[in-house]
Amino acid sequence: MKILNYILLSSFLLLATAVPAAAQEKRDTSTEESPLKFKGLMLSTDIFGYLYSFIEDGTSGEIALEANLGDRFFPVVEAGYGGVDFTDENFGIHYKTNAPFFRAGLNYNFSYVKGKAQRPNYVYGAARFACSKMDYDISSPPLHDPVWGGELPFSRNDVNGFASWLELGVGVNVKIWKNFRMGWCVRYKARINVVNSANSNVGYIPGFGRNRHTCFGATYSLIYELPFK
């Protein structure tokens, strides 16, 4: 009988200590940080685009808004305005356009370490879907008519065009002072689709560059972390 009482008392004591421990464990689990916890926003502008005209025909400016989800995932939207005004030296074709472009995608922090405090500087991978709808003017020297002879002028204004493309890249984001950061990103761009007119082809795509299947691009951004949580 004493043994039975001892067993019952021991079981009761174990149960009494296990319930609070389980409740505490449940509370600790519930307070764990979500991997997608919102941690703020970053606003940035690309200064490399403003210097683009020194490297190739065309100018471009853009801004970006980026969300921080758990210091790991960074959804981002980018909007910009670009254009070009050039004349081909070989064929004398003049091309001019100015139009907005848009990108949406995700940055992924390659430096993320689960369960550890994250470093303020990190390397990330970038993926974007981008598009631009533009109107362009195109003209060329008079064309010679091989059948009837004579010359035919060629000039088209406000021609509609559209293009979409994908971007994949790698970059670095570095904290420089308080809420100010800076970073660069090198991107590989692959054209998805281009809508041309019946009489001419899109020559330049704002946000992409010259109309070709693939190209490389780069951004050098000044970044400001908005001061709220």
C-alpha atoms as a PDB file:
ATOM      1  CA  MET A   1       0.000   0.000   0.000  1.00  0.00           C
ATOM      2  CA  LYS A   2       2.854   2.357   0.828  1.00  0.00           C
ATOM      3  CA  ILE A   3       4.477   1.529  -2.493  1.00  0.00           C
ATOM      4  CA  LEU A   4       1.238   2.324  -4.317  1.00  0.00           C
ATOM      5  CA  ASN A   5       0.928   5.639  -2.491  1.00  0.00           C
ATOM      6  CA  TYR A   6       4.532   6.483  -3.362  1.00  0.00           C
ATOM      7  CA  ILE A   7       3.952   5.738  -7.032  1.00  0.00           C
ATOM      8  CA  LEU A   8       0.806   7.851  -7.101  1.00  0.00           C
ATOM      9  CA  LEU A   9       2.534  10.742  -5.321  1.00  0.00           C
ATOM     10  CA  SER A  10       5.529  10.571  -7.653  1.00  0.00           C
ATOM     11  CA  SER A  11       3.288  10.523 -10.709  1.00  0.00           C
ATOM     12  CA  PHE A  12       1.383  13.540  -9.425  1.00  0.00           C
ATOM     13  CA  LEU A  13       4.604  15.468  -8.813  1.00  0.00           C
ATOM     14  CA  LEU A  14       5.943  14.621 -12.284  1.00  0.00           C
ATOM     15  CA  LEU A  15       2.652  15.731 -13.850  1.00  0.00           C
ATOM     16  CA  ALA A  16       2.667  18.941 -11.818  1.00  0.00           C
ATOM     17  CA  THR A  17       6.165  19.829 -13.033  1.00  0.00           C
ATOM     18  CA  ALA A  18       5.633  18.686 -16.640  1.00  0.00           C
ATOM     19  CA  VAL A  19       2.559  20.834 -17.302  1.00  0.00           C
ATOM     20  CA  PRO A  20       4.227  24.189 -16.520  1.00  0.00           C
ATOM     21  CA  ALA A  21       7.338  23.103 -18.451  1.00  0.00           C
ATOM     22  CA  ALA A  22       5.229  22.213 -21.495  1.00  0.00           C
ATOM     23  CA  ALA A  23       3.385  25.506 -21.225  1.00  0.00           C
ATOM     24  CA  GLN A  24       6.690  27.375 -20.978  1.00  0.00           C
ATOM     25  CA  GLU A  25       8.026  25.486 -24.016  1.00  0.00           C
ATOM     26  CA  LYS A  26       4.879  26.400 -25.926  1.00  0.00           C
ATOM     27  CA  ARG A  27       5.304  30.057 -24.974  1.00  0.00           C
ATOM     28  CA  ASP A  28       8.950  29.989 -26.077  1.00  0.00           C
ATOM     29  CA  THR A  29       7.996  28.470 -29.420  1.00  0.00           C
ATOM     30  CA  SER A  30       5.288  31.037 -29.963  1.00  0.00           C
ATOM     31  CA  THR A  31       7.747  33.857 -29.357  1.00  0.00           C
ATOM     32  CA  GLU A  32      10.226  32.571 -31.957  1.00  0.00           C
ATOM     33  CA  GLU A  33      10.767  35.056 -34.763  1.00  0.00           C
ATOM     34  CA  SER A  34       8.997  34.276 -38.001  1.00  0.00           C
ATOM     35  CA  PRO A  35      11.337  33.770 -40.976  1.00  0.00           C
ATOM     36  CA  LEU A  36       9.156  36.238 -42.919  1.00  0.00           C
ATOM     37  CA  LYS A  37       8.869  38.877 -40.204  1.00  0.00           C
ATOM     38  CA  PHE A  38       8.614  42.374 -41.661  1.00  0.00           C
ATOM     39  CA  LYS A  39      11.664  44.381 -40.586  1.00  0.00           C
ATOM     40  CA  GLY A  40      11.397  47.585 -42.552  1.00  0.00           C
ATOM     41  CA  LEU A  41      11.693  49.259 -45.944  1.00  0.00           C
ATOM     42  CA  MET A  42      14.601  50.588 -47.977  1.00  0.00           C
ATOM     43  CA  LEU A  43      14.341  53.339 -50.577  1.00  0.00           C
ATOM     44  CA  SER A  44      17.120  53.646 -53.146  1.00  0.00           C
ATOM     45  CA  THR A  45      18.158  55.331 -56.368  1.00  0.00           C
ATOM     46  CA  ASP A  46      20.608  54.121 -58.992  1.00  0.00           C
ATOM     47  CA  ILE A  47      23.320  56.681 -59.770  1.00  0.00           C
ATOM     48  CA  PHE A  48      25.015  54.507 -62.388  1.00  0.00           C
ATOM     49  CA  GLY A  49      22.150  55.126 -64.806  1.00  0.00           C
ATOM     50  CA  TYR A  50      22.791  58.851 -64.744  1.00  0.00           C
ATOM     51  CA  LEU A  51      26.362  58.208 -65.921  1.00  0.00           C
ATOM     52  CA  TYR A  52      25.314  55.653 -68.540  1.00  0.00           C
ATOM     53  CA  SER A  53      25.562  58.149 -71.399  1.00  0.00           C
ATOM     54  CA  PHE A  54      29.354  58.239 -70.991  1.00  0.00           C
ATOM     55  CA  ILE A  55      29.515  54.497 -71.762  1.00  0.00           C
ATOM     56  CA  GLU A  56      26.752  53.994 -74.326  1.00  0.00           C
ATOM     57  CA  ASP A  57      24.028  56.028 -75.995  1.00  0.00           C
ATOM     58  CA  GLY A  58      21.083  56.571 -73.689  1.00  0.00           C
ATOM     59  CA  THR A  59      20.304  57.864 -70.233  1.00  0.00           C
ATOM     60  CA  SER A  60      18.351  56.261 -67.428  1.00  0.00           C
ATOM     61  CA  GLY A  61      17.207  57.051 -63.892  1.00  0.00           C
ATOM     62  CA  GLU A  62      15.317  54.876 -61.445  1.00  0.00           C
ATOM     63  CA  ILE A  63      14.172  54.409 -57.857  1.00  0.00           C
ATOM     64  CA  ALA A  64      13.409  51.240 -55.920  1.00  0.00           C
ATOM     65  CA  LEU A  65      11.385  50.281 -52.849  1.00  0.00           C
ATOM     66  CA  GLU A  66      12.524  47.149 -51.045  1.00  0.00           C
ATOM     67  CA  ALA A  67      10.965  45.299 -48.089  1.00  0.00           C
ATOM     68  CA  ASN A  68      12.993  43.347 -45.534  1.00  0.00           C
ATOM     69  CA  LEU A  69      11.421  40.010 -44.572  1.00  0.00           C
ATOM     70  CA  GLY A  70      13.419  38.347 -41.819  1.00  0.00           C
ATOM     71  CA  ASP A  71      16.767  39.697 -43.122  1.00  0.00           C
ATOM     72  CA  ARG A  72      16.559  36.927 -45.729  1.00  0.00           C
ATOM     73  CA  PHE A  73      14.024  37.788 -48.421  1.00  0.00           C
ATOM     74  CA  PHE A  74      13.748  41.273 -49.952  1.00  0.00           C
ATOM     75  CA  PRO A  75      10.808  41.773 -52.342  1.00  0.00           C
ATOM     76  CA  VAL A  76      11.478  44.822 -54.490  1.00  0.00           C
ATOM     77  CA  VAL A  77       9.783  47.018 -57.084  1.00  0.00           C
ATOM     78  CA  GLU A  78      11.718  49.375 -59.346  1.00  0.00           C
ATOM     79  CA  ALA A  79      10.486  52.179 -61.590  1.00  0.00           C
ATOM     80  CA  GLY A  80      12.502  54.348 -63.914  1.00  0.00           C
ATOM     81  CA  TYR A  81      12.580  56.508 -66.989  1.00  0.00           C
ATOM     82  CA  GLY A  82      15.021  56.116 -69.833  1.00  0.00           C
ATOM     83  CA  GLY A  83      15.606  57.235 -73.353  1.00  0.00           C
ATOM     84  CA  VAL A  84      17.960  57.650 -76.243  1.00  0.00           C
ATOM     85  CA  ASP A  85      18.525  60.043 -79.138  1.00  0.00           C
ATOM     86  CA  PHE A  86      21.149  58.827 -81.626  1.00  0.00           C
ATOM     87  CA  THR A  87      21.979  58.595 -85.314  1.00  0.00           C
ATOM     88  CA  ASP A  88      23.639  55.526 -86.782  1.00  0.00           C
ATOM     89  CA  GLU A  89      26.882  56.630 -88.440  1.00  0.00           C
ATOM     90  CA  ASN A  90      26.867  53.816 -91.010  1.00  0.00           C
ATOM     91  CA  PHE A  91      23.283  54.020 -92.253  1.00  0.00           C
ATOM     92  CA  GLY A  92      22.236  57.488 -91.119  1.00  0.00           C
ATOM     93  CA  ILE A  93      19.172  56.164 -89.287  1.00  0.00           C
ATOM     94  CA  HIS A  94      17.948  58.471 -86.530  1.00  0.00           C
ATOM     95  CA  TYR A  95      16.161  56.956 -83.538  1.00  0.00           C
ATOM     96  CA  LYS A  96      14.613  58.707 -80.531  1.00  0.00           C
ATOM     97  CA  THR A  97      12.528  57.482 -77.600  1.00  0.00           C
ATOM     98  CA  ASN A  98      11.786  58.340 -73.963  1.00  0.00           C
ATOM     99  CA  ALA A  99       9.619  56.060 -71.832  1.00  0.00           C
ATOM    100  CA  PRO A 100       9.157  54.576 -68.340  1.00  0.00           C
ATOM    101  CA  PHE A 101      10.107  51.042 -67.361  1.00  0.00           C
ATOM    102  CA  PHE A 102       9.171  48.820 -64.434  1.00  0.00           C
ATOM    103  CA  ARG A 103      10.716  45.861 -62.652  1.00  0.00           C
ATOM    104  CA  ALA A 104       9.481  43.572 -59.881  1.00  0.00           C
ATOM    105  CA  GLY A 105      11.257  40.705 -58.187  1.00  0.00           C
ATOM    106  CA  LEU A 106      13.196  39.451 -55.192  1.00  0.00           C
ATOM    107  CA  ASN A 107      16.625  39.769 -53.587  1.00  0.00           C
ATOM    108  CA  TYR A 108      17.884  36.811 -51.525  1.00  0.00           C
ATOM    109  CA  ASN A 109      20.502  37.232 -48.804  1.00  0.00           C
ATOM    110  CA  PHE A 110      23.239  34.649 -49.399  1.00  0.00           C
ATOM    111  CA  SER A 111      24.910  35.680 -46.109  1.00  0.00           C
ATOM    112  CA  TYR A 112      21.882  34.724 -43.991  1.00  0.00           C
ATOM    113  CA  VAL A 113      22.609  32.332 -41.094  1.00  0.00           C
ATOM    114  CA  LYS A 114      19.597  30.885 -39.295  1.00  0.00           C
ATOM    115  CA  GLY A 115      19.517  31.467 -35.543  1.00  0.00           C
ATOM    116  CA  LYS A 116      22.335  34.020 -35.550  1.00  0.00           C
ATOM    117  CA  ALA A 117      22.431  37.793 -35.562  1.00  0.00           C
ATOM    118  CA  GLN A 118      22.682  38.989 -39.141  1.00  0.00           C
ATOM    119  CA  ARG A 119      25.573  41.121 -40.317  1.00  0.00           C
ATOM    120  CA  PRO A 120      24.763  44.622 -41.595  1.00  0.00           C
ATOM    121  CA  ASN A 121      26.619  43.898 -44.861  1.00  0.00           C
ATOM    122  CA  TYR A 122      25.564  41.054 -47.116  1.00  0.00           C
ATOM    123  CA  VAL A 123      25.833  39.480 -50.559  1.00  0.00           C
ATOM    124  CA  TYR A 124      22.584  38.783 -52.374  1.00  0.00           C
ATOM    125  CA  GLY A 125      21.165  37.257 -55.509  1.00  0.00           C
ATOM    126  CA  ALA A 126      18.658  39.211 -57.603  1.00  0.00           C
ATOM    127  CA  ALA A 127      15.830  38.147 -59.906  1.00  0.00           C
ATOM    128  CA  ARG A 128      13.567  40.535 -61.813  1.00  0.00           C
ATOM    129  CA  PHE A 129      10.773  40.598 -64.370  1.00  0.00           C
ATOM    130  CA  ALA A 130      10.789  43.873 -66.314  1.00  0.00           C
ATOM    131  CA  CYS A 131       8.829  45.592 -69.060  1.00  0.00           C
ATOM    132  CA  SER A 132       8.580  48.889 -70.922  1.00  0.00           C
ATOM    133  CA  LYS A 133       5.999  50.400 -73.248  1.00  0.00           C
ATOM    134  CA  MET A 134       7.428  53.106 -75.453  1.00  0.00           C
ATOM    135  CA  ASP A 135       6.705  55.417 -78.372  1.00  0.00           C
ATOM    136  CA  TYR A 136       9.603  56.166 -80.701  1.00  0.00           C
ATOM    137  CA  ASP A 137      10.512  58.294 -83.706  1.00  0.00           C
ATOM    138  CA  ILE A 138      12.588  56.841 -86.522  1.00  0.00           C
ATOM    139  CA  SER A 139      13.821  58.308 -89.803  1.00  0.00           C
ATOM    140  CA  SER A 140      16.454  57.568 -92.412  1.00  0.00           C
ATOM    141  CA  PRO A 141      17.956  59.097 -95.555  1.00  0.00           C
ATOM    142  CA  PRO A 142      15.723  58.735 -98.654  1.00  0.00           C
ATOM    143  CA  LEU A 143      15.487  55.186 -99.960  1.00  0.00           C
ATOM    144  CA  HIS A 144      16.182  54.458-103.636  1.00  0.00           C
ATOM    145  CA  ASP A 145      13.327  52.737-105.484  1.00  0.00           C
ATOM    146  CA  PRO A 146      14.956  49.952-107.592  1.00  0.00           C
ATOM    147  CA  VAL A 147      11.827  49.452-109.729  1.00  0.00           C
ATOM    148  CA  TRP A 148      10.515  52.892-110.579  1.00  0.00           C
ATOM    149  CA  GLY A 149      13.595  54.874-109.758  1.00  0.00           C
ATOM    150  CA  GLY A 150      13.671  57.994-107.653  1.00  0.00           C
ATOM    151  CA  GLU A 151      13.931  58.259-103.902  1.00  0.00           C
ATOM    152  CA  LEU A 152      11.376  57.637-101.191  1.00  0.00           C
ATOM    153  CA  PRO A 153      11.577  59.468 -97.846  1.00  0.00           C
ATOM    154  CA  PHE A 154      11.198  57.366 -94.691  1.00  0.00           C
ATOM    155  CA  SER A 155      10.057  58.924 -91.419  1.00  0.00           C
ATOM    156  CA  ARG A 156       7.739  57.617 -88.680  1.00  0.00           C
ATOM    157  CA  ASN A 157       6.750  59.379 -85.464  1.00  0.00           C
ATOM    158  CA  ASP A 158       5.099  58.096 -82.277  1.00  0.00           C
ATOM    159  CA  VAL A 159       5.431  54.450 -83.276  1.00  0.00           C
ATOM    160  CA  ASN A 160       4.189  52.093 -80.541  1.00  0.00           C
ATOM    161  CA  GLY A 161       6.478  49.418 -79.118  1.00  0.00           C
ATOM    162  CA  PHE A 162       6.629  47.067 -76.129  1.00  0.00           C
ATOM    163  CA  ALA A 163       9.286  44.815 -74.616  1.00  0.00           C
ATOM    164  CA  SER A 164       9.638  42.484 -71.634  1.00  0.00           C
ATOM    165  CA  TRP A 165      12.703  40.749 -70.225  1.00  0.00           C
ATOM    166  CA  LEU A 166      14.183  38.864 -67.257  1.00  0.00           C
ATOM    167  CA  GLU A 167      17.171  39.863 -65.127  1.00  0.00           C
ATOM    168  CA  LEU A 168      19.393  37.676 -62.931  1.00  0.00           C
ATOM    169  CA  GLY A 169      22.268  39.078 -60.943  1.00  0.00           C
ATOM    170  CA  VAL A 170      24.411  39.246 -57.842  1.00  0.00           C
ATOM    171  CA  GLY A 171      25.118  42.247 -55.653  1.00  0.00           C
ATOM    172  CA  VAL A 172      26.411  43.647 -52.372  1.00  0.00           C
ATOM    173  CA  ASN A 173      24.574  45.807 -49.815  1.00  0.00           C
ATOM    174  CA  VAL A 174      26.764  47.704 -47.304  1.00  0.00           C
ATOM    175  CA  LYS A 175      25.897  49.918 -44.341  1.00  0.00           C
ATOM    176  CA  ILE A 176      27.916  53.153 -44.406  1.00  0.00           C
ATOM    177  CA  TRP A 177      26.410  55.420 -41.718  1.00  0.00           C
ATOM    178  CA  LYS A 178      23.291  55.192 -39.553  1.00  0.00           C
ATOM    179  CA  ASN A 179      20.345  54.560 -41.907  1.00  0.00           C
ATOM    180  CA  PHE A 180      22.374  55.108 -45.056  1.00  0.00           C
ATOM    181  CA  ARG A 181      23.612  52.225 -47.167  1.00  0.00           C
ATOM    182  CA  MET A 182      25.083  51.716 -50.608  1.00  0.00           C
ATOM    183  CA  GLY A 183      25.447  48.798 -52.950  1.00  0.00           C
ATOM    184  CA  TRP A 184      26.042  47.544 -56.457  1.00  0.00           C
ATOM    185  CA  CYS A 185      24.535  44.802 -58.559  1.00  0.00           C
ATOM    186  CA  VAL A 186      25.638  43.212 -61.845  1.00  0.00           C
ATOM    187  CA  ARG A 187      22.810  41.714 -63.900  1.00  0.00           C
ATOM    188  CA  TYR A 188      22.403  39.457 -66.901  1.00  0.00           C
ATOM    189  CA  LYS A 189      19.380  40.498 -68.997  1.00  0.00           C
ATOM    190  CA  ALA A 190      17.504  38.169 -71.342  1.00  0.00           C
ATOM    191  CA  ARG A 191      14.808  39.512 -73.631  1.00  0.00           C
ATOM    192  CA  ILE A 192      11.452  37.711 -73.521  1.00  0.00           C
ATOM    193  CA  ASN A 193       9.318  39.516 -76.054  1.00  0.00           C
ATOM    194  CA  VAL A 194       9.368  42.575 -78.317  1.00  0.00           C
ATOM    195  CA  VAL A 195       6.366  43.994 -80.158  1.00  0.00           C
ATOM    196  CA  ASN A 196       7.430  45.819 -83.323  1.00  0.00           C
ATOM    197  CA  SER A 197       5.376  47.840 -85.784  1.00  0.00           C
ATOM    198  CA  ALA A 198       4.699  46.849 -89.394  1.00  0.00           C
ATOM    199  CA  ASN A 199       7.211  49.369 -90.768  1.00  0.00           C
ATOM    200  CA  SER A 200      10.029  49.417 -88.225  1.00  0.00           C
ATOM    201  CA  ASN A 201      11.617  47.608 -85.313  1.00  0.00           C
ATOM    202  CA  VAL A 202      12.229  48.802 -81.759  1.00  0.00           C
ATOM    203  CA  GLY A 203      15.836  49.979 -81.639  1.00  0.00           C
ATOM    204  CA  TYR A 204      16.227  50.829 -77.961  1.00  0.00           C
ATOM    205  CA  ILE A 205      14.395  49.507 -74.879  1.00  0.00           C
ATOM    206  CA  PRO A 206      14.344  51.822 -71.821  1.00  0.00           C
ATOM    207  CA  GLY A 207      15.718  49.948 -68.813  1.00  0.00           C
ATOM    208  CA  PHE A 208      17.257  47.264 -71.032  1.00  0.00           C
ATOM    209  CA  GLY A 209      19.405  48.971 -73.655  1.00  0.00           C
ATOM    210  CA  ARG A 210      19.897  48.309 -77.360  1.00  0.00           C
ATOM    211  CA  ASN A 211      17.388  45.820 -78.731  1.00  0.00           C
ATOM    212  CA  ARG A 212      19.253  42.502 -78.689  1.00  0.00           C
ATOM    213  CA  HIS A 213      18.599  39.057 -77.232  1.00  0.00           C
ATOM    214  CA  THR A 214      20.844  39.394 -74.171  1.00  0.00           C
ATOM    215  CA  CYS A 215      23.054  41.983 -72.514  1.00  0.00           C
ATOM    216  CA  PHE A 216      24.613  42.885 -69.181  1.00  0.00           C
ATOM    217  CA  GLY A 217      23.741  45.782 -66.919  1.00  0.00           C
ATOM    218  CA  ALA A 218      24.797  47.213 -63.588  1.00  0.00           C
ATOM    219  CA  THR A 219      23.427  49.412 -60.830  1.00  0.00           C
ATOM    220  CA  TYR A 220      25.207  51.419 -58.158  1.00  0.00           C
ATOM    221  CA  SER A 221      22.664  52.505 -55.578  1.00  0.00           C
ATOM    222  CA  LEU A 222      22.405  54.927 -52.700  1.00  0.00           C
ATOM    223  CA  ILE A 223      20.037  53.399 -50.142  1.00  0.00           C
ATOM    224  CA  TYR A 224      18.124  54.819 -47.190  1.00  0.00           C
ATOM    225  CA  GLU A 225      16.478  52.624 -44.552  1.00  0.00           C
ATOM    226  CA  LEU A 226      13.191  54.198 -43.565  1.00  0.00           C
ATOM    227  CA  PRO A 227      13.275  54.795 -39.771  1.00  0.00           C
ATOM    228  CA  PHE A 228      10.360  52.693 -38.596  1.00  0.00           C
ATOM    229  CA  LYS A 229       9.749  49.087 -37.631  1.00  0.00           C
END
